[in-house]
C-alpha atoms as a PDB file:
ATOM      1  CA  MET A   1     -19.069 -36.849   0.608  1.00  0.00           C
ATOM      2  CA  VAL A   2     -18.314 -33.708   2.596  1.00  0.00           C
ATOM      3  CA  SER A   3     -15.876 -35.429   4.986  1.00  0.00           C
ATOM      4  CA  PRO A   4     -13.209 -36.208   2.462  1.00  0.00           C
ATOM      5  CA  ILE A   5     -13.301 -32.640   1.117  1.00  0.00           C
ATOM      6  CA  ARG A   6     -13.088 -31.226   4.650  1.00  0.00           C
ATOM      7  CA  TYR A   7     -10.303 -33.567   5.500  1.00  0.00           C
ATOM      8  CA  TYR A   8      -8.373 -32.529   2.384  1.00  0.00           C
ATOM      9  CA  PHE A   9      -8.640 -28.827   3.174  1.00  0.00           C
ATOM     10  CA  GLU A  10      -7.763 -29.414   6.796  1.00  0.00           C
ATOM     11  CA  ARG A  11      -4.667 -31.396   5.849  1.00  0.00           C
ATOM     12  CA  ASN A  12      -3.447 -29.144   3.005  1.00  0.00           C
ATOM     13  CA  GLY A  13      -4.965 -25.728   3.583  1.00  0.00           C
ATOM     14  CA  PHE A  14      -4.760 -24.941   7.269  1.00  0.00           C
ATOM     15  CA  TYR A  15      -1.054 -25.403   7.695  1.00  0.00           C
ATOM     16  CA  VAL A  16      -0.055 -22.837   5.101  1.00  0.00           C
ATOM     17  CA  SER A  17       0.997 -20.242   7.653  1.00  0.00           C
ATOM     18  CA  SER A  18       2.950 -22.645   9.792  1.00  0.00           C
ATOM     19  CA  ARG A  19       4.792 -24.184   6.780  1.00  0.00           C
ATOM     20  CA  PHE A  20       5.532 -20.685   5.404  1.00  0.00           C
ATOM     21  CA  ALA A  21       6.752 -19.562   8.856  1.00  0.00           C
ATOM     22  CA  ASP A  22       8.999 -22.631   9.204  1.00  0.00           C
ATOM     23  CA  ARG A  23      10.507 -22.001   5.803  1.00  0.00           C
ATOM     24  CA  LEU A  24      11.219 -18.294   6.596  1.00  0.00           C
ATOM     25  CA  GLY A  25      12.320 -18.953  10.153  1.00  0.00           C
ATOM     26  CA  MET A  26       9.648 -16.757  11.684  1.00  0.00           C
ATOM     27  CA  LYS A  27       6.880 -17.144  14.285  1.00  0.00           C
ATOM     28  CA  VAL A  28       3.614 -18.481  13.006  1.00  0.00           C
ATOM     29  CA  LYS A  29       1.740 -15.738  14.881  1.00  0.00           C
ATOM     30  CA  SER A  30       3.674 -13.062  12.903  1.00  0.00           C
ATOM     31  CA  VAL A  31       2.850 -14.642   9.625  1.00  0.00           C
ATOM     32  CA  ARG A  32      -0.849 -14.997  10.456  1.00  0.00           C
ATOM     33  CA  LEU A  33      -1.010 -11.373  11.551  1.00  0.00           C
ATOM     34  CA  PHE A  34       0.651 -10.316   8.278  1.00  0.00           C
ATOM     35  CA  PHE A  35      -1.976 -12.197   6.302  1.00  0.00           C
ATOM     36  CA  ILE A  36      -4.780 -10.639   8.302  1.00  0.00           C
ATOM     37  CA  TYR A  37      -3.335  -7.084   7.883  1.00  0.00           C
ATOM     38  CA  LEU A  38      -2.809  -7.699   4.204  1.00  0.00           C
ATOM     39  CA  SER A  39      -6.376  -8.835   3.636  1.00  0.00           C
ATOM     40  CA  PHE A  40      -7.653  -5.695   5.383  1.00  0.00           C
ATOM     41  CA  ALA A  41      -5.328  -3.453   3.342  1.00  0.00           C
ATOM     42  CA  THR A  42      -6.369  -4.964   0.045  1.00  0.00           C
ATOM     43  CA  LEU A  43     -10.011  -4.717   0.885  1.00  0.00           C
ATOM     44  CA  GLY A  44      -9.543  -1.009   1.645  1.00  0.00           C
ATOM     45  CA  ILE A  45      -7.642  -0.364  -1.560  1.00  0.00           C
ATOM     46  CA  GLY A  46     -10.263  -2.134  -3.622  1.00  0.00           C
ATOM     47  CA  PHE A  47     -13.024  -0.128  -1.994  1.00  0.00           C
ATOM     48  CA  ALA A  48     -11.084   3.159  -2.567  1.00  0.00           C
ATOM     49  CA  VAL A  49     -10.608   2.252  -6.283  1.00  0.00           C
ATOM     50  CA  TYR A  50     -14.276   1.527  -6.588  1.00  0.00           C
ATOM     51  CA  LEU A  51     -15.250   4.814  -5.054  1.00  0.00           C
ATOM     52  CA  THR A  52     -12.893   6.696  -7.294  1.00  0.00           C
ATOM     53  CA  LEU A  53     -14.209   5.021 -10.423  1.00  0.00           C
ATOM     54  CA  ALA A  54     -17.779   5.757  -9.355  1.00  0.00           C
ATOM     55  CA  PHE A  55     -16.850   9.361  -8.841  1.00  0.00           C
ATOM     56  CA  TRP A  56     -15.231   9.689 -12.282  1.00  0.00           C
ATOM     57  CA  LEU A  57     -18.151   8.000 -14.046  1.00  0.00           C
ATOM     58  CA  LYS A  58     -20.637  10.345 -12.252  1.00  0.00           C
ATOM     59  CA  LEU A  59     -18.491  13.330 -13.228  1.00  0.00           C
ATOM     60  CA  LYS A  60     -18.322  12.117 -16.814  1.00  0.00           C
ATOM     61  CA  ASP A  61     -22.093  11.872 -16.947  1.00  0.00           C
ATOM     62  CA  LEU A  62     -22.464  15.372 -15.606  1.00  0.00           C
ATOM     63  CA  VAL A  63     -20.000  16.933 -18.038  1.00  0.00           C
ATOM     64  CA  TYR A  64     -20.768  14.934 -21.243  1.00  0.00           C
ATOM     65  CA  THR A  65     -24.140  15.503 -22.797  1.00  0.00           C
ATOM     66  CA  LYS A  66     -25.361  13.043 -25.393  1.00  0.00           C
ATOM     67  CA  ARG A  67     -26.556  14.569 -28.599  1.00  0.00           C
ATOM     68  CA  THR A  68     -29.893  13.226 -29.733  1.00  0.00           C
ATOM     69  CA  SER A  69     -29.343  13.683 -33.517  1.00  0.00           C
ATOM     70  CA  VAL A  70     -26.795  14.616 -36.149  1.00  0.00           C
ATOM     71  CA  PHE A  71     -28.455  17.985 -36.663  1.00  0.00           C
ATOM     72  CA  ASP A  72     -27.645  19.229 -33.075  1.00  0.00           C
ATOM     73  CA  LEU A  73     -24.133  20.219 -34.191  1.00  0.00           C
END
């Protein structure tokens, strides 16, 4: 059961870089390096956005105080 799935991904999935490079007329090595750098860049951007949102939420919690009742106005 695993062999047909593995064969399908090997046949259709692993040659993406080479087919893309052939279509663009570039070296396969350059296309693979571009995908590797792009994956590192997007991981870094996502982590930076996560830290920024965490900082803003912590700041909001420090500034905003929740009132316990209507009579605290």
